[in-house]
Each structure stands twice: as structure tokens, then as C-alpha cells.
N, C-alpha and C. Protein backbone atom coordinates (compact mmCIF):
# COMPACT_ATOMS: atom_id res chain seq x y z
N MET A 1 11.23 -3.53 -17.01
CA MET A 1 10.90 -4.28 -16.21
C MET A 1 10.78 -5.54 -17.08
N ASP A 2 11.52 -6.96 -17.67
CA ASP A 2 10.64 -8.23 -18.05
C ASP A 2 9.72 -8.49 -17.74
N SER A 3 9.26 -9.38 -17.78
CA SER A 3 7.71 -10.13 -17.59
C SER A 3 8.00 -11.59 -15.96
N ALA A 4 8.80 -12.09 -16.21
CA ALA A 4 9.62 -12.45 -14.72
C ALA A 4 10.24 -11.35 -14.25
N GLY A 5 10.41 -10.19 -14.04
CA GLY A 5 10.80 -9.31 -13.35
C GLY A 5 8.87 -8.87 -12.41
N SER A 6 8.58 -8.38 -13.88
CA SER A 6 6.99 -8.24 -13.39
C SER A 6 6.24 -8.72 -11.73
N VAL A 7 6.17 -10.79 -12.30
CA VAL A 7 5.45 -11.38 -12.44
C VAL A 7 6.33 -11.28 -10.97
N ALA A 8 7.68 -11.14 -10.45
CA ALA A 8 8.27 -11.28 -8.82
C ALA A 8 7.29 -9.70 -8.28
N VAL A 9 7.34 -8.79 -8.69
CA VAL A 9 6.86 -7.47 -8.25
C VAL A 9 5.30 -7.82 -7.25
N HIS A 10 4.89 -8.73 -8.59
CA HIS A 10 3.32 -8.70 -8.92
C HIS A 10 3.17 -9.75 -7.44
N GLY A 11 4.14 -10.33 -7.05
CA GLY A 11 3.75 -11.33 -5.73
C GLY A 11 4.67 -10.88 -4.80
N GLN A 12 5.42 -9.77 -4.82
CA GLN A 12 5.95 -9.24 -3.57
C GLN A 12 4.48 -8.07 -3.29
N LEU A 13 3.92 -7.21 -3.99
CA LEU A 13 2.94 -6.72 -3.20
C LEU A 13 1.79 -7.39 -2.75
N THR A 14 1.62 -8.45 -3.30
CA THR A 14 0.12 -9.14 -3.34
C THR A 14 0.61 -9.44 -1.94
N ARG A 15 1.41 -10.22 -1.79
CA ARG A 15 2.20 -10.64 -0.26
C ARG A 15 1.80 -9.13 0.93
N LEU A 16 2.67 -8.25 0.12
CA LEU A 16 2.37 -6.96 0.96
C LEU A 16 1.40 -7.12 1.66
N TYR A 17 0.31 -6.50 0.24
CA TYR A 17 -1.24 -6.17 1.14
C TYR A 17 -1.93 -7.00 1.85
N ALA A 18 -1.56 -8.41 1.95
CA ALA A 18 -1.96 -9.49 2.30
C ALA A 18 -1.72 -9.02 3.86
N ALA A 19 0.27 -8.57 4.15
CA ALA A 19 0.26 -8.48 5.49
C ALA A 19 -0.07 -7.11 6.05
N PHE A 20 -0.30 -6.26 5.23
CA PHE A 20 -1.64 -5.10 5.09
C PHE A 20 -2.78 -5.30 6.42
N ASN A 21 -3.47 -6.21 5.59
CA ASN A 21 -4.63 -6.79 5.75
C ASN A 21 -4.56 -7.45 7.14
N ARG A 22 -3.90 -8.09 8.07
CA ARG A 22 -3.25 -9.04 9.24
C ARG A 22 -2.55 -7.81 10.03
N ARG A 23 -2.69 -6.82 9.59
CA ARG A 23 -1.68 -6.05 10.39
C ARG A 23 -0.71 -6.19 10.71
N ASP A 24 0.15 -6.96 10.13
CA ASP A 24 2.02 -7.09 10.13
C ASP A 24 2.75 -6.10 9.75
N VAL A 25 2.95 -5.15 10.46
CA VAL A 25 3.95 -3.94 9.96
C VAL A 25 5.31 -4.43 9.78
N PRO A 26 5.87 -4.64 10.70
CA PRO A 26 6.87 -5.56 10.76
C PRO A 26 7.45 -6.22 9.44
N THR A 27 6.42 -6.94 8.42
CA THR A 27 6.83 -7.05 6.70
C THR A 27 6.21 -6.50 6.42
N VAL A 28 5.53 -5.27 6.45
CA VAL A 28 5.56 -4.64 5.27
C VAL A 28 6.47 -3.78 5.58
N LEU A 29 7.08 -3.18 6.60
CA LEU A 29 7.88 -2.20 6.61
C LEU A 29 9.39 -2.91 6.06
N THR A 30 9.77 -4.02 6.18
CA THR A 30 11.12 -4.71 5.63
C THR A 30 10.81 -4.75 4.05
N ALA A 31 9.75 -4.24 3.41
CA ALA A 31 9.97 -4.14 2.44
C ALA A 31 10.13 -2.37 1.98
N MET A 32 10.24 -2.25 2.12
CA MET A 32 10.37 -0.49 2.05
C MET A 32 11.69 -0.02 2.19
N THR A 33 12.14 1.12 1.39
CA THR A 33 13.10 2.08 1.95
C THR A 33 13.42 2.35 3.26
N ALA A 34 14.46 2.92 3.98
CA ALA A 34 14.46 3.41 5.48
C ALA A 34 13.41 4.67 5.32
N ASP A 35 13.37 5.11 3.99
CA ASP A 35 12.51 7.16 3.94
C ASP A 35 12.02 6.97 2.67
N VAL A 36 11.21 6.26 3.09
CA VAL A 36 9.82 5.69 2.14
C VAL A 36 9.11 6.90 1.65
N VAL A 37 8.22 7.24 0.94
CA VAL A 37 7.54 8.78 0.94
C VAL A 37 6.18 7.93 1.05
N TRP A 38 5.53 7.74 1.98
CA TRP A 38 3.93 7.29 1.67
C TRP A 38 2.74 8.02 1.89
N PRO A 39 1.80 7.95 1.06
CA PRO A 39 0.52 9.27 1.19
C PRO A 39 -0.35 8.61 2.63
N ASN A 40 -0.80 9.42 3.10
CA ASN A 40 -1.50 9.70 4.39
C ASN A 40 -3.20 9.67 3.73
N GLY A 41 -3.45 8.29 2.88
CA GLY A 41 -4.97 8.76 2.60
C GLY A 41 -5.80 9.04 3.58
N TRP A 42 -5.77 8.87 4.70
CA TRP A 42 -6.70 9.37 6.06
C TRP A 42 -6.80 10.43 6.46
N GLU A 43 -5.50 10.62 6.92
CA GLU A 43 -5.50 12.52 6.81
C GLU A 43 -4.81 13.47 6.19
N GLY A 44 -4.78 13.18 5.27
CA GLY A 44 -4.06 14.08 4.06
C GLY A 44 -2.22 13.96 4.61
N GLY A 45 -2.06 14.45 3.05
CA GLY A 45 -0.14 14.68 3.17
C GLY A 45 0.35 13.22 3.15
N VAL A 46 1.68 13.41 3.97
CA VAL A 46 2.64 11.88 3.10
C VAL A 46 3.22 12.07 4.12
N VAL A 47 3.48 10.87 4.41
CA VAL A 47 4.61 10.51 5.79
C VAL A 47 5.70 10.07 5.07
N HIS A 48 6.90 10.07 5.94
CA HIS A 48 8.32 9.63 5.78
C HIS A 48 8.54 8.49 6.53
N GLY A 49 9.21 7.74 6.44
CA GLY A 49 10.06 6.81 6.97
C GLY A 49 9.25 5.95 7.24
N HIS A 50 10.25 4.68 7.93
CA HIS A 50 9.39 3.63 8.69
C HIS A 50 8.49 4.17 9.80
N ASP A 51 9.27 4.80 10.97
CA ASP A 51 8.22 5.40 12.35
C ASP A 51 6.75 5.92 12.17
N GLU A 52 7.71 6.88 10.74
CA GLU A 52 6.16 7.78 10.54
C GLU A 52 5.02 7.24 10.15
N VAL A 53 5.38 5.76 8.71
CA VAL A 53 4.43 5.27 8.30
C VAL A 53 3.67 4.05 9.20
N SER A 54 4.88 3.34 10.13
CA SER A 54 4.00 2.76 11.59
C SER A 54 3.21 3.47 12.57
N ALA A 55 3.19 4.72 12.44
CA ALA A 55 2.63 5.82 13.23
C ALA A 55 1.14 5.81 12.63
N TYR A 56 1.29 6.40 11.25
CA TYR A 56 -0.04 6.37 10.95
C TYR A 56 -1.12 5.56 10.81
N TRP A 57 -0.16 3.95 10.45
CA TRP A 57 -1.43 2.90 10.76
C TRP A 57 -1.81 2.85 11.68
N LYS A 58 -0.93 2.74 13.09
CA LYS A 58 -1.44 2.37 14.05
C LYS A 58 -2.66 3.39 14.46
N ARG A 59 -2.55 4.76 14.07
CA ARG A 59 -3.39 5.34 14.18
C ARG A 59 -4.79 5.43 13.70
N GLN A 60 -4.86 5.15 12.41
CA GLN A 60 -5.88 4.46 11.13
C GLN A 60 -6.80 3.22 12.08
N TRP A 61 -5.45 2.51 12.22
CA TRP A 61 -6.02 1.13 12.89
C TRP A 61 -6.93 1.41 14.22
N SER A 62 -6.63 2.37 14.90
CA SER A 62 -7.44 2.26 16.01
C SER A 62 -8.81 3.11 16.33
N GLN A 63 -8.71 3.70 14.75
CA GLN A 63 -10.23 4.06 14.10
C GLN A 63 -11.12 3.87 12.94
N LEU A 64 -10.17 2.81 11.99
CA LEU A 64 -10.51 2.15 10.91
C LEU A 64 -10.16 1.23 10.94
N ASP A 65 -11.31 0.08 10.27
CA ASP A 65 -10.36 -0.99 9.95
C ASP A 65 -10.45 -1.26 7.96
N PRO A 66 -9.55 -1.39 7.51
CA PRO A 66 -9.55 -0.73 6.38
C PRO A 66 -8.91 -2.30 5.48
N SER A 67 -9.43 -2.19 4.66
CA SER A 67 -9.39 -4.27 3.50
C SER A 67 -8.81 -3.43 2.50
N VAL A 68 -7.41 -4.09 1.94
CA VAL A 68 -6.96 -3.76 0.71
C VAL A 68 -6.52 -5.06 -0.17
N THR A 69 -7.73 -5.18 -2.01
CA THR A 69 -6.90 -6.45 -1.96
C THR A 69 -6.48 -5.69 -3.31
N PRO A 70 -5.62 -6.00 -3.93
CA PRO A 70 -5.24 -5.95 -5.12
C PRO A 70 -6.10 -6.78 -6.75
N THR A 71 -6.33 -6.17 -7.88
CA THR A 71 -7.41 -6.93 -8.77
C THR A 71 -6.89 -6.92 -10.19
N ALA A 72 -5.67 -5.77 -10.07
CA ALA A 72 -4.76 -6.14 -11.12
C ALA A 72 -3.93 -4.72 -11.13
N PHE A 73 -2.95 -5.66 -11.91
CA PHE A 73 -1.50 -4.77 -12.47
C PHE A 73 -1.29 -4.26 -13.40
N HIS A 74 -0.19 -2.94 -13.41
CA HIS A 74 0.02 -2.71 -14.79
C HIS A 74 1.26 -1.82 -14.68
N THR A 75 2.22 -2.25 -15.69
CA THR A 75 3.77 -0.99 -15.68
C THR A 75 3.84 0.10 -16.52
N GLU A 76 3.68 1.23 -15.60
CA GLU A 76 3.30 2.49 -16.27
C GLU A 76 4.61 2.39 -17.04
N PRO A 77 4.73 3.98 -17.84
CA PRO A 77 6.12 4.07 -18.52
C PRO A 77 7.27 4.70 -18.38
N ASP A 78 7.24 5.14 -16.92
CA ASP A 78 8.05 5.29 -16.43
C ASP A 78 8.86 4.33 -15.14
N GLY A 79 8.27 2.83 -15.51
CA GLY A 79 8.49 2.09 -14.64
C GLY A 79 7.57 1.50 -13.14
N ARG A 80 7.17 2.65 -13.15
CA ARG A 80 6.64 2.34 -11.62
C ARG A 80 5.06 1.51 -11.89
N ILE A 81 5.11 0.61 -10.90
CA ILE A 81 4.06 -0.54 -10.57
C ILE A 81 2.33 0.07 -10.38
N ALA A 82 1.39 -0.09 -11.28
CA ALA A 82 0.47 0.48 -10.96
C ALA A 82 -0.86 -0.68 -10.74
N VAL A 83 -1.15 0.21 -9.17
CA VAL A 83 -1.97 -1.84 -8.78
C VAL A 83 -3.73 -1.18 -8.43
N THR A 84 -4.52 -1.57 -9.17
CA THR A 84 -5.98 -1.42 -9.06
C THR A 84 -5.99 -2.23 -8.12
N VAL A 85 -7.29 -1.54 -6.67
CA VAL A 85 -7.42 -2.06 -5.81
C VAL A 85 -8.56 -2.58 -5.20
N HIS A 86 -9.17 -3.06 -4.90
CA HIS A 86 -10.61 -3.03 -3.74
C HIS A 86 -10.69 -2.54 -2.75
N GLN A 87 -11.38 -1.26 -2.22
CA GLN A 87 -10.58 -1.39 -0.74
C GLN A 87 -12.40 -1.01 -0.19
N VAL A 88 -12.16 -1.40 1.13
CA VAL A 88 -13.05 -1.68 1.99
C VAL A 88 -12.92 -1.28 3.53
N VAL A 89 -13.85 -0.12 3.68
CA VAL A 89 -13.07 0.77 4.93
C VAL A 89 -14.45 0.42 5.22
N ARG A 90 -14.14 0.08 6.91
CA ARG A 90 -15.21 -0.05 8.09
C ARG A 90 -14.51 0.68 9.43
N ASP A 91 -16.06 1.22 10.10
CA ASP A 91 -15.85 1.57 11.19
C ASP A 91 -15.19 0.37 12.28
N LYS A 92 -14.74 0.78 13.57
CA LYS A 92 -14.60 -0.46 14.44
C LYS A 92 -15.74 -0.83 15.06
N ALA A 93 -17.51 -0.70 14.63
CA ALA A 93 -17.96 -1.19 14.79
C ALA A 93 -18.55 -2.38 13.65
N GLY A 94 -18.02 -1.87 12.49
CA GLY A 94 -18.00 -3.12 11.20
C GLY A 94 -19.16 -2.11 10.41
N THR A 95 -19.55 -0.55 10.26
CA THR A 95 -20.29 -0.06 9.49
C THR A 95 -18.95 0.18 8.51
N VAL A 96 -19.81 -0.40 7.05
CA VAL A 96 -18.61 0.26 5.97
C VAL A 96 -19.15 1.96 6.14
N LEU A 97 -18.25 2.42 5.79
CA LEU A 97 -17.45 3.48 5.16
C LEU A 97 -17.44 3.98 4.10
N ALA A 98 -16.60 3.03 2.85
CA ALA A 98 -16.21 2.80 1.92
C ALA A 98 -16.00 1.87 1.17
N ASP A 99 -16.55 1.53 -0.39
CA ASP A 99 -16.34 0.43 -0.88
C ASP A 99 -16.29 0.87 -2.32
N HIS A 100 -14.73 1.08 -2.56
CA HIS A 100 -14.66 1.45 -3.93
C HIS A 100 -13.56 0.84 -4.32
N THR A 101 -12.97 1.32 -5.39
CA THR A 101 -11.85 0.89 -6.28
C THR A 101 -10.75 2.29 -6.59
N VAL A 102 -9.43 1.65 -6.23
CA VAL A 102 -8.59 3.26 -6.26
C VAL A 102 -7.50 2.48 -6.57
N THR A 103 -5.95 3.07 -6.84
CA THR A 103 -5.29 2.65 -7.93
C THR A 103 -3.78 3.16 -7.14
N HIS A 104 -2.99 2.40 -6.97
CA HIS A 104 -1.93 2.66 -5.81
C HIS A 104 -0.61 2.33 -6.87
N VAL A 105 0.21 3.51 -6.61
CA VAL A 105 1.51 3.63 -7.99
C VAL A 105 2.78 3.61 -6.93
N TYR A 106 3.18 2.42 -7.45
CA TYR A 106 3.96 2.33 -6.47
C TYR A 106 5.54 2.20 -7.49
N ARG A 107 6.92 3.31 -6.78
CA ARG A 107 8.30 2.82 -7.32
C ARG A 107 9.14 2.30 -6.12
N PHE A 108 9.64 1.76 -7.15
CA PHE A 108 11.10 0.88 -6.48
C PHE A 108 12.43 0.94 -6.51
N ALA A 109 13.12 0.74 -5.15
CA ALA A 109 14.35 1.40 -5.44
C ALA A 109 15.26 0.11 -5.05
N ASN A 110 16.05 -0.50 -5.73
CA ASN A 110 17.17 -2.08 -4.80
C ASN A 110 15.92 -2.91 -4.11
N GLY A 111 14.59 -3.02 -5.56
CA GLY A 111 13.80 -4.41 -4.58
C GLY A 111 12.84 -3.62 -3.69
N LEU A 112 12.91 -2.04 -3.25
CA LEU A 112 12.05 -2.27 -2.03
C LEU A 112 11.44 -1.10 -2.65
N VAL A 113 9.83 -0.75 -2.00
CA VAL A 113 8.93 0.35 -1.82
C VAL A 113 9.94 2.08 -1.91
N ALA A 114 9.80 2.60 -2.79
CA ALA A 114 10.29 3.69 -2.07
C ALA A 114 9.03 4.82 -2.42
N GLU A 115 8.66 5.13 -2.64
CA GLU A 115 6.97 5.63 -3.09
C GLU A 115 5.77 4.73 -3.06
N MET A 116 4.71 5.52 -2.80
CA MET A 116 3.58 4.76 -3.06
C MET A 116 2.52 6.72 -2.88
N GLU A 117 1.68 6.69 -3.96
CA GLU A 117 0.66 7.41 -4.14
C GLU A 117 -0.43 6.75 -4.19
N ILE A 118 -1.66 7.93 -4.26
CA ILE A 118 -3.22 6.71 -4.64
C ILE A 118 -3.86 7.65 -5.42
N ARG A 119 -4.33 7.08 -6.64
CA ARG A 119 -5.12 8.18 -7.84
C ARG A 119 -6.13 7.05 -7.25
N ASP A 120 -7.43 8.07 -7.82
CA ASP A 120 -9.10 7.66 -7.61
C ASP A 120 -9.56 7.33 -8.91
């Protein structure tokens, strides 16, 4: 990916994190393939497709209030995009349960997110 393409992808991902933090599910889902593979970082395993991702987030948000802010981007040798994020997770009363940095790694297909993995 050339530098202009990298900048565009970084901007796209930054906007998706902002939409996630607003709980704007439709906006985030439109940036994903219909058969997206998404990690279930809360309950474990993975979910597949828009319906499962949406249901997972709604379950998560009924119990937790996560906020994720990208702080750095890196293109992996295989073309995937690694995003370092600052993640803060609060319970519904506002108590901080986690405040740490993790890496999210994205694979794209035809300009859409096809898969994401979480690395500690």
C-alpha cells in the first residue's frame, strides 16, 4: 500500500473508532464485509457477520462502557494494518475496570474490514 493509501486507511479506521465510541453501529458495520470475522474480546472466541457483531456489541455495552482511541498505525509485511489503541473499560457505574494499550490488526478486502484480531 502506498503512503496515500495508508493515510486513507488510517483516516478510515480513526473514523470507525470514533463511531464505535459513539455506539454508532450502522456506521461501523457499513465499513465491514458482510462476512467479517471479529474477535469477541469480552466473552471469548470470534463472531461472524454483521448480525453477530452487532449483537455482541449490544451485549457488551449493556454491561460495560469501553472506549478505544487509536494512537499509532503500522502496516504489517502481509499488508494488514496494526493499530495501537488506548483502551479504557468502565462498568456501568463508571468504575475503571481496565486502562491499557493493545494492538488491533485489520485485514481489508475491497476497502472494507474483513477481519480483526486483538494482540496484547
